[in-house]
Amino acid sequence: MRKISLSTFSYLIFFTLCISLVVGFYIGKNKPKDNYAMTATVVAIYEPDDTVIIKHHSGVYYSFKGVEDWAIGDEAACVMNGKWTDTITDDEIINVRYCGVAEWQ
């Protein structure tokens, strides 16, 4: 059996570490995003704070800034970030677009 010298072993460990760092960085950058689409209804507008409160159809409330053209009863199409958690209560709004007025109101 052939013995491996300490310097050869050190180079082997260093090379393995470098490869794992490069592969880990590549996988981390190309990880799929946890974004999803959601619609919600505007339920309150606070003009002093420039805040719009929306309610998801499951009953969860979210808020975003920018009351310019929003009115109570408007439907908002949102792109949400799930933050890789199981609950939707900690998700955050990435983008909001107006998508009409709810007909049921």
N, C-alpha and C. Protein backbone atom coordinates (compact mmCIF):
# COMPACT_ATOMS: atom_id res chain seq x y z
N MET A 1 0.84 -1.17 0.00
CA MET A 1 0.00 0.00 0.00
C MET A 1 0.89 1.24 0.00
N ARG A 2 0.52 2.19 -0.81
CA ARG A 2 1.31 3.40 -0.96
C ARG A 2 0.85 4.43 0.07
N LYS A 3 1.79 5.09 0.73
CA LYS A 3 1.47 6.11 1.72
C LYS A 3 1.37 7.47 1.03
N ILE A 4 0.41 8.27 1.50
CA ILE A 4 0.25 9.62 0.96
C ILE A 4 0.96 10.58 1.89
N SER A 5 1.78 11.43 1.30
CA SER A 5 2.50 12.40 2.14
C SER A 5 1.54 13.47 2.64
N LEU A 6 1.96 14.17 3.67
CA LEU A 6 1.13 15.20 4.27
C LEU A 6 0.87 16.33 3.29
N SER A 7 1.83 16.72 2.48
CA SER A 7 1.62 17.81 1.52
C SER A 7 0.65 17.40 0.42
N THR A 8 0.72 16.16 -0.04
CA THR A 8 -0.22 15.68 -1.04
C THR A 8 -1.64 15.64 -0.46
N PHE A 9 -1.75 15.20 0.75
CA PHE A 9 -3.05 15.16 1.42
C PHE A 9 -3.61 16.57 1.60
N SER A 10 -2.77 17.53 1.96
CA SER A 10 -3.19 18.92 2.13
C SER A 10 -3.68 19.50 0.81
N TYR A 11 -2.97 19.23 -0.29
CA TYR A 11 -3.41 19.71 -1.61
C TYR A 11 -4.74 19.08 -2.01
N LEU A 12 -4.92 17.83 -1.68
CA LEU A 12 -6.17 17.14 -2.00
C LEU A 12 -7.34 17.76 -1.22
N ILE A 13 -7.14 18.05 0.05
CA ILE A 13 -8.18 18.68 0.86
C ILE A 13 -8.48 20.09 0.34
N PHE A 14 -7.44 20.85 0.01
CA PHE A 14 -7.62 22.21 -0.52
C PHE A 14 -8.39 22.18 -1.84
N PHE A 15 -8.03 21.27 -2.74
CA PHE A 15 -8.71 21.15 -4.03
C PHE A 15 -10.18 20.78 -3.83
N THR A 16 -10.47 19.85 -2.93
CA THR A 16 -11.85 19.44 -2.66
C THR A 16 -12.65 20.61 -2.09
N LEU A 17 -12.05 21.39 -1.20
CA LEU A 17 -12.72 22.54 -0.62
C LEU A 17 -13.03 23.58 -1.69
N CYS A 18 -12.08 23.86 -2.58
CA CYS A 18 -12.32 24.83 -3.64
C CYS A 18 -13.45 24.40 -4.57
N ILE A 19 -13.46 23.14 -4.96
CA ILE A 19 -14.52 22.62 -5.83
C ILE A 19 -15.88 22.72 -5.15
N SER A 20 -15.94 22.35 -3.87
CA SER A 20 -17.23 22.41 -3.17
C SER A 20 -17.72 23.84 -3.01
N LEU A 21 -16.82 24.80 -2.81
CA LEU A 21 -17.22 26.20 -2.72
C LEU A 21 -17.77 26.71 -4.04
N VAL A 22 -17.10 26.37 -5.14
CA VAL A 22 -17.56 26.80 -6.46
C VAL A 22 -18.92 26.19 -6.78
N VAL A 23 -19.07 24.91 -6.55
CA VAL A 23 -20.35 24.23 -6.83
C VAL A 23 -21.44 24.79 -5.92
N GLY A 24 -21.16 24.99 -4.65
CA GLY A 24 -22.14 25.55 -3.72
C GLY A 24 -22.57 26.95 -4.11
N PHE A 25 -21.63 27.78 -4.56
CA PHE A 25 -21.97 29.13 -5.01
C PHE A 25 -22.86 29.08 -6.24
N TYR A 26 -22.55 28.20 -7.18
CA TYR A 26 -23.34 28.08 -8.40
C TYR A 26 -24.75 27.61 -8.09
N ILE A 27 -24.90 26.62 -7.24
CA ILE A 27 -26.22 26.11 -6.88
C ILE A 27 -27.00 27.17 -6.12
N GLY A 28 -26.35 27.90 -5.22
CA GLY A 28 -27.02 28.93 -4.45
C GLY A 28 -27.55 30.07 -5.32
N LYS A 29 -26.80 30.47 -6.34
CA LYS A 29 -27.24 31.54 -7.22
C LYS A 29 -28.38 31.09 -8.13
N ASN A 30 -28.44 29.83 -8.46
CA ASN A 30 -29.44 29.34 -9.39
C ASN A 30 -30.60 28.62 -8.70
N LYS A 31 -30.73 28.85 -7.42
CA LYS A 31 -31.83 28.25 -6.66
C LYS A 31 -33.14 28.88 -7.14
N PRO A 32 -34.18 28.09 -7.33
CA PRO A 32 -35.44 28.67 -7.79
C PRO A 32 -36.01 29.63 -6.76
N LYS A 33 -36.64 30.66 -7.24
CA LYS A 33 -37.23 31.66 -6.36
C LYS A 33 -38.54 31.13 -5.78
N ASP A 34 -38.90 31.62 -4.60
CA ASP A 34 -40.13 31.20 -3.94
C ASP A 34 -41.19 32.29 -4.13
N ASN A 35 -41.40 32.69 -5.38
CA ASN A 35 -42.38 33.71 -5.69
C ASN A 35 -43.65 33.08 -6.23
N TYR A 36 -44.77 33.72 -5.97
CA TYR A 36 -46.05 33.22 -6.47
C TYR A 36 -46.98 34.40 -6.69
N ALA A 37 -48.03 34.18 -7.48
CA ALA A 37 -49.02 35.21 -7.77
C ALA A 37 -50.19 35.08 -6.81
N MET A 38 -50.81 36.22 -6.49
CA MET A 38 -51.94 36.23 -5.58
C MET A 38 -52.83 37.42 -5.93
N THR A 39 -54.12 37.27 -5.75
CA THR A 39 -55.03 38.41 -5.88
C THR A 39 -55.63 38.69 -4.51
N ALA A 40 -55.93 39.96 -4.29
CA ALA A 40 -56.50 40.38 -3.02
C ALA A 40 -57.38 41.60 -3.25
N THR A 41 -58.20 41.91 -2.28
CA THR A 41 -59.13 43.04 -2.37
C THR A 41 -58.69 44.14 -1.42
N VAL A 42 -58.75 45.39 -1.89
CA VAL A 42 -58.42 46.54 -1.04
C VAL A 42 -59.55 46.72 -0.03
N VAL A 43 -59.19 46.72 1.25
CA VAL A 43 -60.20 46.85 2.31
C VAL A 43 -60.06 48.16 3.10
N ALA A 44 -58.90 48.80 3.04
CA ALA A 44 -58.71 50.06 3.78
C ALA A 44 -57.60 50.86 3.12
N ILE A 45 -57.73 52.17 3.24
CA ILE A 45 -56.71 53.08 2.71
C ILE A 45 -56.43 54.12 3.79
N TYR A 46 -55.16 54.29 4.14
CA TYR A 46 -54.74 55.27 5.13
C TYR A 46 -53.86 56.30 4.43
N GLU A 47 -54.48 57.41 4.02
CA GLU A 47 -53.74 58.42 3.26
C GLU A 47 -52.63 59.09 4.05
N PRO A 48 -52.79 59.35 5.35
CA PRO A 48 -51.67 59.99 6.08
C PRO A 48 -50.38 59.14 6.05
N ASP A 49 -50.52 57.82 6.08
CA ASP A 49 -49.36 56.93 6.06
C ASP A 49 -49.01 56.46 4.65
N ASP A 50 -49.87 56.80 3.66
CA ASP A 50 -49.68 56.36 2.28
C ASP A 50 -49.71 54.83 2.19
N THR A 51 -50.62 54.22 2.98
CA THR A 51 -50.68 52.76 3.09
C THR A 51 -52.01 52.23 2.59
N VAL A 52 -51.94 51.14 1.83
CA VAL A 52 -53.13 50.44 1.35
C VAL A 52 -53.14 49.07 2.03
N ILE A 53 -54.28 48.69 2.62
CA ILE A 53 -54.43 47.39 3.26
C ILE A 53 -55.25 46.52 2.32
N ILE A 54 -54.74 45.33 2.02
CA ILE A 54 -55.47 44.39 1.16
C ILE A 54 -55.73 43.11 1.94
N LYS A 55 -56.78 42.42 1.53
CA LYS A 55 -57.15 41.17 2.20
C LYS A 55 -57.16 40.05 1.17
N HIS A 56 -56.35 39.04 1.44
CA HIS A 56 -56.36 37.84 0.60
C HIS A 56 -57.66 37.09 0.83
N HIS A 57 -58.08 36.31 -0.12
CA HIS A 57 -59.36 35.61 0.00
C HIS A 57 -59.35 34.54 1.10
N SER A 58 -58.18 34.21 1.61
CA SER A 58 -58.11 33.27 2.74
C SER A 58 -58.24 33.98 4.08
N GLY A 59 -58.27 35.32 4.06
CA GLY A 59 -58.43 36.08 5.28
C GLY A 59 -57.18 36.75 5.80
N VAL A 60 -56.05 36.59 5.13
CA VAL A 60 -54.79 37.18 5.57
C VAL A 60 -54.69 38.61 5.01
N TYR A 61 -54.24 39.55 5.85
CA TYR A 61 -54.10 40.95 5.46
C TYR A 61 -52.65 41.26 5.14
N TYR A 62 -52.46 42.11 4.12
CA TYR A 62 -51.14 42.60 3.74
C TYR A 62 -51.27 44.10 3.52
N SER A 63 -50.14 44.79 3.52
CA SER A 63 -50.17 46.23 3.25
C SER A 63 -49.02 46.61 2.32
N PHE A 64 -49.23 47.71 1.62
CA PHE A 64 -48.17 48.26 0.77
C PHE A 64 -48.34 49.77 0.72
N LYS A 65 -47.32 50.45 0.29
CA LYS A 65 -47.31 51.91 0.21
C LYS A 65 -47.75 52.36 -1.19
N GLY A 66 -48.44 53.49 -1.23
CA GLY A 66 -48.84 54.08 -2.51
C GLY A 66 -50.34 54.08 -2.71
N VAL A 67 -51.03 55.09 -2.18
CA VAL A 67 -52.49 55.12 -2.24
C VAL A 67 -53.02 55.85 -3.48
N GLU A 68 -52.17 56.27 -4.38
CA GLU A 68 -52.51 57.18 -5.48
C GLU A 68 -53.89 56.93 -6.10
N ASP A 69 -54.09 55.82 -6.76
CA ASP A 69 -55.32 55.58 -7.50
C ASP A 69 -56.13 54.42 -6.95
N TRP A 70 -55.84 53.97 -5.77
CA TRP A 70 -56.56 52.83 -5.21
C TRP A 70 -57.84 53.28 -4.53
N ALA A 71 -58.85 52.40 -4.56
CA ALA A 71 -60.11 52.65 -3.88
C ALA A 71 -60.54 51.36 -3.20
N ILE A 72 -61.32 51.48 -2.15
CA ILE A 72 -61.80 50.30 -1.45
C ILE A 72 -62.65 49.47 -2.40
N GLY A 73 -62.39 48.17 -2.45
CA GLY A 73 -63.10 47.27 -3.35
C GLY A 73 -62.30 46.91 -4.59
N ASP A 74 -61.20 47.62 -4.86
CA ASP A 74 -60.35 47.28 -6.01
C ASP A 74 -59.69 45.93 -5.81
N GLU A 75 -59.47 45.24 -6.89
CA GLU A 75 -58.73 43.98 -6.86
C GLU A 75 -57.27 44.28 -7.20
N ALA A 76 -56.37 43.68 -6.46
CA ALA A 76 -54.93 43.86 -6.68
C ALA A 76 -54.31 42.52 -7.05
N ALA A 77 -53.53 42.53 -8.11
CA ALA A 77 -52.76 41.36 -8.50
C ALA A 77 -51.36 41.54 -7.92
N CYS A 78 -50.92 40.61 -7.08
CA CYS A 78 -49.65 40.75 -6.37
C CYS A 78 -48.69 39.63 -6.75
N VAL A 79 -47.43 39.97 -6.79
CA VAL A 79 -46.37 38.97 -6.84
C VAL A 79 -45.79 38.92 -5.44
N MET A 80 -45.83 37.74 -4.83
CA MET A 80 -45.44 37.58 -3.44
C MET A 80 -44.15 36.78 -3.33
N ASN A 81 -43.38 37.07 -2.28
CA ASN A 81 -42.19 36.29 -1.95
C ASN A 81 -42.53 35.44 -0.73
N GLY A 82 -42.46 34.12 -0.90
CA GLY A 82 -42.82 33.21 0.18
C GLY A 82 -41.77 33.03 1.24
N LYS A 83 -40.56 33.53 1.01
CA LYS A 83 -39.45 33.45 1.97
C LYS A 83 -39.13 32.01 2.39
N TRP A 84 -39.51 31.04 1.59
CA TRP A 84 -39.21 29.62 1.84
C TRP A 84 -39.75 29.14 3.18
N THR A 85 -40.92 29.66 3.58
CA THR A 85 -41.56 29.19 4.80
C THR A 85 -42.90 28.54 4.45
N ASP A 86 -43.47 27.81 5.39
CA ASP A 86 -44.73 27.11 5.15
C ASP A 86 -45.95 28.01 5.34
N THR A 87 -45.81 29.08 6.09
CA THR A 87 -46.96 29.95 6.36
C THR A 87 -46.97 31.13 5.40
N ILE A 88 -48.17 31.66 5.13
CA ILE A 88 -48.26 32.82 4.24
C ILE A 88 -48.31 34.13 5.01
N THR A 89 -48.37 34.05 6.33
CA THR A 89 -48.49 35.28 7.11
C THR A 89 -47.21 36.11 7.12
N ASP A 90 -46.07 35.52 6.81
CA ASP A 90 -44.82 36.27 6.79
C ASP A 90 -44.36 36.62 5.37
N ASP A 91 -45.17 36.29 4.37
CA ASP A 91 -44.79 36.59 2.99
C ASP A 91 -44.83 38.10 2.75
N GLU A 92 -44.03 38.55 1.79
CA GLU A 92 -44.01 39.98 1.50
C GLU A 92 -44.37 40.23 0.04
N ILE A 93 -44.93 41.40 -0.18
CA ILE A 93 -45.34 41.81 -1.53
C ILE A 93 -44.13 42.32 -2.28
N ILE A 94 -43.90 41.78 -3.48
CA ILE A 94 -42.82 42.26 -4.33
C ILE A 94 -43.34 43.30 -5.31
N ASN A 95 -44.52 43.04 -5.88
CA ASN A 95 -45.08 43.93 -6.89
C ASN A 95 -46.60 43.88 -6.80
N VAL A 96 -47.25 45.02 -7.05
CA VAL A 96 -48.71 45.10 -7.01
C VAL A 96 -49.19 45.80 -8.27
N ARG A 97 -50.25 45.27 -8.87
CA ARG A 97 -50.88 45.88 -10.04
C ARG A 97 -52.39 45.90 -9.85
N TYR A 98 -53.01 46.94 -10.36
CA TYR A 98 -54.46 47.03 -10.34
C TYR A 98 -55.03 46.04 -11.35
N CYS A 99 -56.08 45.32 -10.97
CA CYS A 99 -56.67 44.37 -11.92
C CYS A 99 -58.20 44.43 -11.91
N GLY A 100 -58.78 45.55 -11.54
CA GLY A 100 -60.22 45.71 -11.65
C GLY A 100 -60.90 45.84 -10.31
N VAL A 101 -62.24 45.85 -10.39
CA VAL A 101 -63.08 45.96 -9.19
C VAL A 101 -63.79 44.62 -9.00
N ALA A 102 -63.84 44.18 -7.78
CA ALA A 102 -64.50 42.91 -7.49
C ALA A 102 -65.99 43.03 -7.81
N GLU A 103 -66.50 42.09 -8.61
CA GLU A 103 -67.89 42.14 -9.02
C GLU A 103 -68.86 41.77 -7.91
N TRP A 104 -68.43 41.03 -6.93
CA TRP A 104 -69.31 40.56 -5.88
C TRP A 104 -69.66 41.63 -4.87
N GLN A 105 -69.02 42.81 -4.97
CA GLN A 105 -69.29 43.86 -3.99
C GLN A 105 -70.40 44.76 -4.45
